[in-house]
C-alpha atoms as a PDB file:
ATOM      1  CA  MET A   1     -12.186 -19.664 -10.264  1.00  0.00           C
ATOM      2  CA  ARG A   2     -12.973 -21.029 -13.699  1.00  0.00           C
ATOM      3  CA  ARG A   3     -13.376 -19.887 -17.271  1.00  0.00           C
ATOM      4  CA  LYS A   4     -16.913 -19.352 -18.480  1.00  0.00           C
ATOM      5  CA  ASP A   5     -18.249 -18.908 -22.030  1.00  0.00           C
ATOM      6  CA  GLY A   6     -15.492 -17.647 -24.319  1.00  0.00           C
ATOM      7  CA  ASP A   7     -12.883 -15.983 -22.187  1.00  0.00           C
ATOM      8  CA  ASP A   8     -15.212 -14.780 -19.409  1.00  0.00           C
ATOM      9  CA  LEU A   9     -14.068 -15.631 -15.905  1.00  0.00           C
ATOM     10  CA  GLU A  10     -16.242 -16.853 -13.046  1.00  0.00           C
ATOM     11  CA  ILE A  11     -15.166 -16.244  -9.449  1.00  0.00           C
ATOM     12  CA  LYS A  12     -17.524 -17.281  -6.625  1.00  0.00           C
ATOM     13  CA  ASN A  13     -20.590 -17.155  -8.906  1.00  0.00           C
ATOM     14  CA  TYR A  14     -19.640 -13.739 -10.339  1.00  0.00           C
ATOM     15  CA  VAL A  15     -19.025 -13.630 -14.071  1.00  0.00           C
ATOM     16  CA  ILE A  16     -16.341 -11.188 -15.171  1.00  0.00           C
ATOM     17  CA  PRO A  17     -16.557 -10.542 -18.904  1.00  0.00           C
ATOM     18  CA  LYS A  18     -13.421 -10.651 -21.017  1.00  0.00           C
ATOM     19  CA  ASN A  19     -11.735  -7.225 -21.213  1.00  0.00           C
ATOM     20  CA  ALA A  20     -13.762  -5.899 -18.260  1.00  0.00           C
ATOM     21  CA  VAL A  21     -12.245  -2.993 -16.339  1.00  0.00           C
ATOM     22  CA  ILE A  22     -12.213  -3.800 -12.634  1.00  0.00           C
ATOM     23  CA  LEU A  23     -11.845  -1.035 -10.064  1.00  0.00           C
ATOM     24  CA  ILE A  24     -10.906  -1.676  -6.458  1.00  0.00           C
ATOM     25  CA  ASN A  25     -12.288   0.583  -3.731  1.00  0.00           C
ATOM     26  CA  ILE A  26      -9.005   1.157  -1.913  1.00  0.00           C
ATOM     27  CA  TRP A  27     -10.566   3.808   0.341  1.00  0.00           C
ATOM     28  CA  ALA A  28     -13.051   1.257   1.689  1.00  0.00           C
ATOM     29  CA  ILE A  29     -10.397  -1.465   2.143  1.00  0.00           C
ATOM     30  CA  GLY A  30      -8.197   0.925   4.114  1.00  0.00           C
ATOM     31  CA  ARG A  31     -11.072   1.796   6.459  1.00  0.00           C
ATOM     32  CA  ASP A  32     -12.698  -1.597   6.897  1.00  0.00           C
ATOM     33  CA  PRO A  33     -12.904  -2.409  10.644  1.00  0.00           C
ATOM     34  CA  ARG A  34     -13.051  -6.142   9.794  1.00  0.00           C
ATOM     35  CA  ILE A  35      -9.494  -5.797   8.463  1.00  0.00           C
ATOM     36  CA  TRP A  36      -8.045  -2.921  10.496  1.00  0.00           C
ATOM     37  CA  PRO A  37      -8.814  -2.259  14.178  1.00  0.00           C
ATOM     38  CA  ASN A  38      -9.395   1.497  14.641  1.00  0.00           C
ATOM     39  CA  PRO A  39      -9.170   2.069  10.867  1.00  0.00           C
ATOM     40  CA  ASP A  40      -9.401   5.882  11.112  1.00  0.00           C
ATOM     41  CA  SER A  41      -6.493   6.146  13.564  1.00  0.00           C
ATOM     42  CA  PHE A  42      -2.859   6.642  12.578  1.00  0.00           C
ATOM     43  CA  GLU A  43      -1.283   3.509  14.052  1.00  0.00           C
ATOM     44  CA  PRO A  44       1.846   2.515  12.116  1.00  0.00           C
ATOM     45  CA  GLU A  45       2.656  -0.017  14.823  1.00  0.00           C
ATOM     46  CA  ARG A  46      -0.256  -2.116  13.538  1.00  0.00           C
ATOM     47  CA  PHE A  47       2.183  -3.513  10.968  1.00  0.00           C
ATOM     48  CA  LEU A  48       4.696  -4.685  13.573  1.00  0.00           C
ATOM     49  CA  ASN A  49       5.000  -8.415  14.237  1.00  0.00           C
ATOM     50  CA  ARG A  50       2.605  -9.337  11.413  1.00  0.00           C
ATOM     51  CA  GLU A  51       3.253 -11.838   8.687  1.00  0.00           C
ATOM     52  CA  VAL A  52       2.107  -9.614   5.839  1.00  0.00           C
ATOM     53  CA  ASP A  53       3.241 -10.057   2.265  1.00  0.00           C
ATOM     54  CA  PHE A  54       3.779  -6.480   1.144  1.00  0.00           C
ATOM     55  CA  LYS A  55       4.611  -7.544  -2.404  1.00  0.00           C
ATOM     56  CA  GLY A  56       0.978  -7.502  -3.447  1.00  0.00           C
ATOM     57  CA  HIS A  57      -0.470 -10.815  -2.298  1.00  0.00           C
ATOM     58  CA  ASP A  58      -2.237  -9.653   0.878  1.00  0.00           C
ATOM     59  CA  PHE A  59      -5.188  -7.623  -0.331  1.00  0.00           C
ATOM     60  CA  GLU A  60      -5.459  -5.476   2.791  1.00  0.00           C
ATOM     61  CA  LEU A  61      -2.303  -3.756   1.524  1.00  0.00           C
ATOM     62  CA  THR A  62      -3.676  -3.088  -1.950  1.00  0.00           C
ATOM     63  CA  LEU A  63      -3.640   0.620  -1.127  1.00  0.00           C
ATOM     64  CA  PHE A  64       0.129   0.435  -1.676  1.00  0.00           C
ATOM     65  CA  GLY A  65      -0.357  -0.986  -5.155  1.00  0.00           C
ATOM     66  CA  ALA A  66       0.657  -4.388  -6.417  1.00  0.00           C
ATOM     67  CA  GLY A  67       2.902  -6.095  -8.892  1.00  0.00           C
ATOM     68  CA  ARG A  68       5.191  -3.955 -11.035  1.00  0.00           C
ATOM     69  CA  ARG A  69       3.518  -0.748  -9.901  1.00  0.00           C
ATOM     70  CA  ILE A  70       3.727  -1.289  -6.144  1.00  0.00           C
ATOM     71  CA  PHE A  71       4.691   1.735  -4.044  1.00  0.00           C
ATOM     72  CA  PRO A  72       8.515   1.698  -4.139  1.00  0.00           C
ATOM     73  CA  GLY A  73       8.937   3.109  -0.620  1.00  0.00           C
ATOM     74  CA  GLN A  74       6.934   0.362   1.067  1.00  0.00           C
ATOM     75  CA  PRO A  75       9.756  -2.220   1.444  1.00  0.00           C
ATOM     76  CA  LEU A  76      12.016   0.570   2.684  1.00  0.00           C
ATOM     77  CA  ALA A  77       9.468   1.529   5.343  1.00  0.00           C
ATOM     78  CA  TYR A  78       9.608  -2.011   6.733  1.00  0.00           C
ATOM     79  CA  ARG A  79      13.312  -1.514   7.444  1.00  0.00           C
ATOM     80  CA  MET A  80      12.826   1.725   9.400  1.00  0.00           C
ATOM     81  CA  GLU A  81      11.924   2.512  12.969  1.00  0.00           C
ATOM     82  CA  PHE A  82      11.599   5.540  15.220  1.00  0.00           C
ATOM     83  CA  GLU A  83      14.759   6.966  16.693  1.00  0.00           C
ATOM     84  CA  PRO A  84      15.375   6.001  20.343  1.00  0.00           C
ATOM     85  CA  GLY A  85      13.016   7.718  22.771  1.00  0.00           C
ATOM     86  CA  ILE A  86      10.359   8.555  20.136  1.00  0.00           C
ATOM     87  CA  THR A  87       6.961   6.865  20.238  1.00  0.00           C
ATOM     88  CA  PRO A  88       4.120   7.022  17.688  1.00  0.00           C
ATOM     89  CA  GLN A  89       2.312   9.452  20.001  1.00  0.00           C
ATOM     90  CA  ASP A  90       5.262  11.874  19.676  1.00  0.00           C
ATOM     91  CA  VAL A  91       4.884  12.191  15.900  1.00  0.00           C
ATOM     92  CA  ASP A  92       3.460  15.570  14.882  1.00  0.00           C
ATOM     93  CA  LEU A  93       1.105  15.124  11.930  1.00  0.00           C
ATOM     94  CA  ASN A  94       0.218  18.797  11.559  1.00  0.00           C
ATOM     95  CA  GLU A  95       0.707  20.294   8.141  1.00  0.00           C
ATOM     96  CA  LYS A  96       2.447  23.521   7.254  1.00  0.00           C
ATOM     97  CA  PHE A  97       1.913  25.447   4.049  1.00  0.00           C
ATOM     98  CA  GLY A  98       5.070  25.913   2.053  1.00  0.00           C
ATOM     99  CA  VAL A  99       6.650  25.914  -1.351  1.00  0.00           C
ATOM    100  CA  SER A 100       8.681  23.039  -2.747  1.00  0.00           C
ATOM    101  CA  LEU A 101      11.898  23.794  -4.551  1.00  0.00           C
ATOM    102  CA  LYS A 102      13.588  21.726  -7.220  1.00  0.00           C
ATOM    103  CA  LYS A 103      17.283  21.048  -7.208  1.00  0.00           C
ATOM    104  CA  ALA A 104      19.215  23.125  -9.734  1.00  0.00           C
ATOM    105  CA  ILE A 105      21.059  19.966 -10.737  1.00  0.00           C
ATOM    106  CA  PRO A 106      18.784  16.937 -10.220  1.00  0.00           C
ATOM    107  CA  LEU A 107      20.135  14.061  -8.175  1.00  0.00           C
ATOM    108  CA  LYS A 108      20.189  10.821 -10.119  1.00  0.00           C
ATOM    109  CA  ALA A 109      20.287   7.412  -8.478  1.00  0.00           C
ATOM    110  CA  VAL A 110      21.801   4.416 -10.220  1.00  0.00           C
ATOM    111  CA  PRO A 111      21.448   0.769  -9.201  1.00  0.00           C
ATOM    112  CA  THR A 112      24.343  -0.815  -7.366  1.00  0.00           C
ATOM    113  CA  LYS A 113      25.673  -4.301  -7.811  1.00  0.00           C
ATOM    114  CA  PRO A 114      24.662  -6.728  -5.025  1.00  0.00           C
END
């Protein structure tokens, strides 16, 4: 990676002009069989026992965002597991039409001291 003319950036022989808008095809990354075995299958266990940096440095997880705007529930998900006796095959992924209600008095969360 090196700077080119002016403030352009060159990465692996690709020149990225200064102020260019770069879009990432997250759909394709999430379904790439070179990255994910059985990419169209719901397999949450694929994340078990992997050394994956979910803070935005492993690009296969870009679908969760990165940096300041990373999906806030992702670190929480790493600390959860199925209740005893439940396997991934037991999870019902069917949808049900319904209406969402808002709380009359919204719940507010405040940070705690460590």
